[in-house]
């Protein structure tokens, strides 16, 4: 059974996240024009893989050459081409979702350190208003997803110390770190 203090802390966390998420999304919309040109390298690898040519930049080359920076990001974009969706829009959506994940892990981490609502909200707002986080979230690159993997892996690794389920926590920490 939840105690009133835990219930209030969860409410504070949820309210802070919703406010920060709305602000982050609002900041992302005017920046959505920005697409880093390197994203198109990953798109080409994913498109060629979706077309049955494997992970290669030029299908005419006899030996595939690895030229993408994140295997998981490239693999995640293959279904986008199979479904004939716009990879630029989808990668930006993935980036914004990853940014929201970073904000969530920041809030959860700070919430474990303090019950002060002001400190909790300020930490989330600092992330939501961070221009670098906003711009890289809509860049089409894996940069913010990489940051999410590191945040999540670190968070779950930190909980190994106090965990009553160390195997499950270790698996989560390892999973997030490997995805990075």
Protein backbone atom coordinates (compact mmCIF):
# COMPACT_ATOMS: atom_id res chain seq x y z
CA UNK A 1 0.00 0.00 0.00
CA UNK A 2 1.29 3.43 -0.92
CA UNK A 3 1.85 5.95 1.77
CA UNK A 4 0.56 9.50 1.23
CA UNK A 5 4.16 10.79 0.98
CA UNK A 6 5.02 8.37 -1.84
CA UNK A 7 1.74 9.19 -3.61
CA UNK A 8 2.52 12.92 -3.38
CA UNK A 9 6.07 12.36 -4.60
CA UNK A 10 4.75 10.41 -7.63
CA UNK A 11 2.25 13.20 -8.36
CA UNK A 12 5.04 15.79 -8.17
CA UNK A 13 7.14 13.71 -10.56
CA UNK A 14 4.29 13.28 -13.02
CA UNK A 15 3.32 16.96 -12.96
CA UNK A 16 6.95 18.04 -13.40
CA UNK A 17 7.39 15.63 -16.29
CA UNK A 18 4.23 16.76 -18.06
CA UNK A 19 5.20 20.43 -17.75
CA UNK A 20 8.75 19.80 -18.92
CA UNK A 21 7.55 17.54 -21.75
CA UNK A 22 5.17 20.19 -23.04
CA UNK A 23 7.89 22.80 -22.89
CA UNK A 24 10.45 20.54 -24.60
CA UNK A 25 8.01 19.72 -27.40
CA UNK A 26 7.11 23.41 -27.77
CA UNK A 27 10.81 24.27 -28.07
CA UNK A 28 11.35 21.43 -30.57
CA UNK A 29 8.67 22.57 -33.01
CA UNK A 30 10.38 25.76 -34.20
CA UNK A 31 13.68 23.85 -34.47
CA UNK A 32 12.16 21.03 -36.54
CA UNK A 33 13.53 22.57 -39.75
CA UNK A 34 17.03 21.45 -38.73
CA UNK A 35 18.23 18.13 -40.12
CA UNK A 36 21.91 17.30 -39.78
CA UNK A 37 23.19 16.18 -43.18
CA UNK A 38 24.96 13.14 -41.67
CA UNK A 39 21.54 11.68 -40.89
CA UNK A 40 21.15 10.94 -44.59
CA UNK A 41 24.10 8.54 -44.41
CA UNK A 42 22.21 6.43 -41.89
CA UNK A 43 19.02 6.75 -43.95
CA UNK A 44 20.82 5.40 -47.01
CA UNK A 45 22.20 2.40 -45.13
CA UNK A 46 18.74 1.67 -43.69
CA UNK A 47 17.04 2.12 -47.08
CA UNK A 48 19.50 -0.24 -48.78
CA UNK A 49 19.02 -2.83 -46.02
CA UNK A 50 15.23 -2.52 -46.30
CA UNK A 51 15.56 -3.06 -50.07
CA UNK A 52 17.38 -6.35 -49.46
CA UNK A 53 20.90 -5.16 -50.26
CA UNK A 54 22.25 -5.38 -46.71
CA UNK A 55 23.90 -2.66 -44.68
CA UNK A 56 25.85 -0.95 -47.43
CA UNK A 57 26.08 2.62 -48.65
CA UNK A 58 26.47 1.80 -52.36
CA UNK A 59 24.77 -1.36 -53.54
CA UNK A 60 27.24 -1.66 -56.43
CA UNK A 61 30.24 -2.11 -54.10
CA UNK A 62 31.35 -5.74 -53.75
CA UNK A 63 32.21 -5.40 -50.07
CA UNK A 64 29.94 -3.53 -47.67
CA UNK A 65 31.68 -0.73 -45.79
CA UNK A 66 30.44 0.35 -42.38
CA UNK A 67 29.87 4.07 -42.46
CA UNK A 68 27.13 4.62 -39.93
CA UNK A 69 27.73 5.62 -36.33
CA UNK A 70 25.05 3.69 -34.47
CA UNK A 71 23.98 0.16 -35.33
CA UNK A 72 20.76 0.21 -33.30
CA UNK A 73 19.63 3.57 -34.77
CA UNK A 74 20.25 2.26 -38.29
CA UNK A 75 18.39 -0.98 -37.58
CA UNK A 76 15.50 0.96 -36.01
CA UNK A 77 15.12 2.94 -39.24
CA UNK A 78 14.87 -0.12 -41.52
CA UNK A 79 11.14 -0.65 -40.73
CA UNK A 80 10.57 3.03 -41.54
CA UNK A 81 11.61 2.32 -45.13
CA UNK A 82 9.69 -0.95 -45.25
CA UNK A 83 6.55 0.94 -44.18
CA UNK A 84 7.36 3.72 -46.68
CA UNK A 85 7.37 6.38 -43.98
CA UNK A 86 9.43 9.56 -44.13
CA UNK A 87 12.75 8.78 -42.35
CA UNK A 88 13.42 12.45 -41.62
CA UNK A 89 10.15 12.88 -39.75
CA UNK A 90 10.36 9.53 -37.97
CA UNK A 91 13.98 10.04 -36.88
CA UNK A 92 13.01 13.46 -35.49
CA UNK A 93 10.12 11.86 -33.58
CA UNK A 94 12.52 9.20 -32.24
CA UNK A 95 14.89 12.00 -31.20
CA UNK A 96 12.19 13.97 -29.39
CA UNK A 97 11.02 10.80 -27.61
CA UNK A 98 14.62 10.13 -26.57
CA UNK A 99 14.84 13.72 -25.27
CA UNK A 100 11.69 13.13 -23.24
CA UNK A 101 13.29 9.96 -21.89
CA UNK A 102 16.34 11.93 -20.77
CA UNK A 103 14.11 14.44 -19.01
CA UNK A 104 12.25 11.56 -17.32
CA UNK A 105 15.46 9.98 -16.02
CA UNK A 106 16.70 13.35 -14.77
CA UNK A 107 13.45 13.91 -12.89
CA UNK A 108 13.38 10.40 -11.44
CA UNK A 109 17.01 10.71 -10.33
CA UNK A 110 16.49 14.12 -8.72
CA UNK A 111 13.22 12.92 -7.17
CA UNK A 112 15.15 10.20 -5.36
CA UNK A 113 17.48 12.84 -3.90
CA UNK A 114 14.96 15.45 -2.72
CA UNK A 115 11.29 16.02 -1.99
CA UNK A 116 11.63 19.69 -2.92
CA UNK A 117 9.21 20.35 -5.81
CA UNK A 118 11.14 23.46 -6.87
CA UNK A 119 14.40 21.58 -7.23
CA UNK A 120 12.63 18.79 -9.08
CA UNK A 121 10.93 21.12 -11.53
CA UNK A 122 14.05 23.25 -12.03
CA UNK A 123 16.12 20.20 -12.96
CA UNK A 124 13.57 19.16 -15.57
CA UNK A 125 13.21 22.69 -16.92
CA UNK A 126 16.97 23.04 -17.33
CA UNK A 127 16.93 19.95 -19.55
CA UNK A 128 13.75 20.89 -21.44
CA UNK A 129 15.09 24.36 -22.23
CA UNK A 130 18.59 23.20 -23.16
CA UNK A 131 19.15 24.37 -26.71
CA UNK A 132 21.62 21.61 -27.50
CA UNK A 133 19.22 18.90 -26.35
CA UNK A 134 16.40 20.45 -28.39
CA UNK A 135 18.46 20.89 -31.59
CA UNK A 136 20.06 17.45 -31.50
CA UNK A 137 16.69 15.85 -30.74
CA UNK A 138 15.35 17.10 -34.08
CA UNK A 139 18.61 16.61 -36.01
CA UNK A 140 17.75 13.16 -37.34
CA UNK A 141 20.86 11.72 -35.73
CA UNK A 142 21.20 9.22 -32.89
CA UNK A 143 22.88 11.71 -30.56
CA UNK A 144 20.00 12.17 -28.11
CA UNK A 145 19.16 8.47 -28.19
CA UNK A 146 22.78 7.79 -27.22
CA UNK A 147 22.33 10.23 -24.31
CA UNK A 148 19.14 8.43 -23.27
CA UNK A 149 20.94 5.08 -23.29
CA UNK A 150 23.70 6.47 -21.08
CA UNK A 151 21.20 8.10 -18.67
CA UNK A 152 19.09 4.96 -18.42
CA UNK A 153 22.11 2.65 -18.11
CA UNK A 154 23.64 4.82 -15.40
CA UNK A 155 20.34 5.10 -13.53
CA UNK A 156 19.78 1.34 -13.50
CA UNK A 157 23.43 0.59 -12.73
CA UNK A 158 23.21 2.95 -9.75
CA UNK A 159 20.22 1.03 -8.47
CA UNK A 160 22.15 -2.24 -8.47
CA UNK A 161 23.55 -1.23 -5.09
CA UNK A 162 20.15 -0.97 -3.38
CA UNK A 163 18.18 -3.35 -5.56
CA UNK A 164 16.21 -6.25 -4.20
CA UNK A 165 16.26 -7.63 -7.75
CA UNK A 166 19.92 -7.26 -8.79
CA UNK A 167 19.68 -9.59 -11.80
CA UNK A 168 16.80 -7.66 -13.35
CA UNK A 169 18.45 -4.30 -12.62
CA UNK A 170 21.78 -5.48 -14.02
CA UNK A 171 20.02 -6.66 -17.17
CA UNK A 172 18.34 -3.25 -17.64
CA UNK A 173 21.61 -1.41 -17.05
CA UNK A 174 23.45 -3.64 -19.51
CA UNK A 175 20.67 -3.43 -22.12
CA UNK A 176 20.66 0.39 -22.15
CA UNK A 177 24.44 0.58 -22.24
CA UNK A 178 24.74 -1.90 -25.11
CA UNK A 179 22.11 -0.02 -27.14
CA UNK A 180 24.28 3.09 -26.89
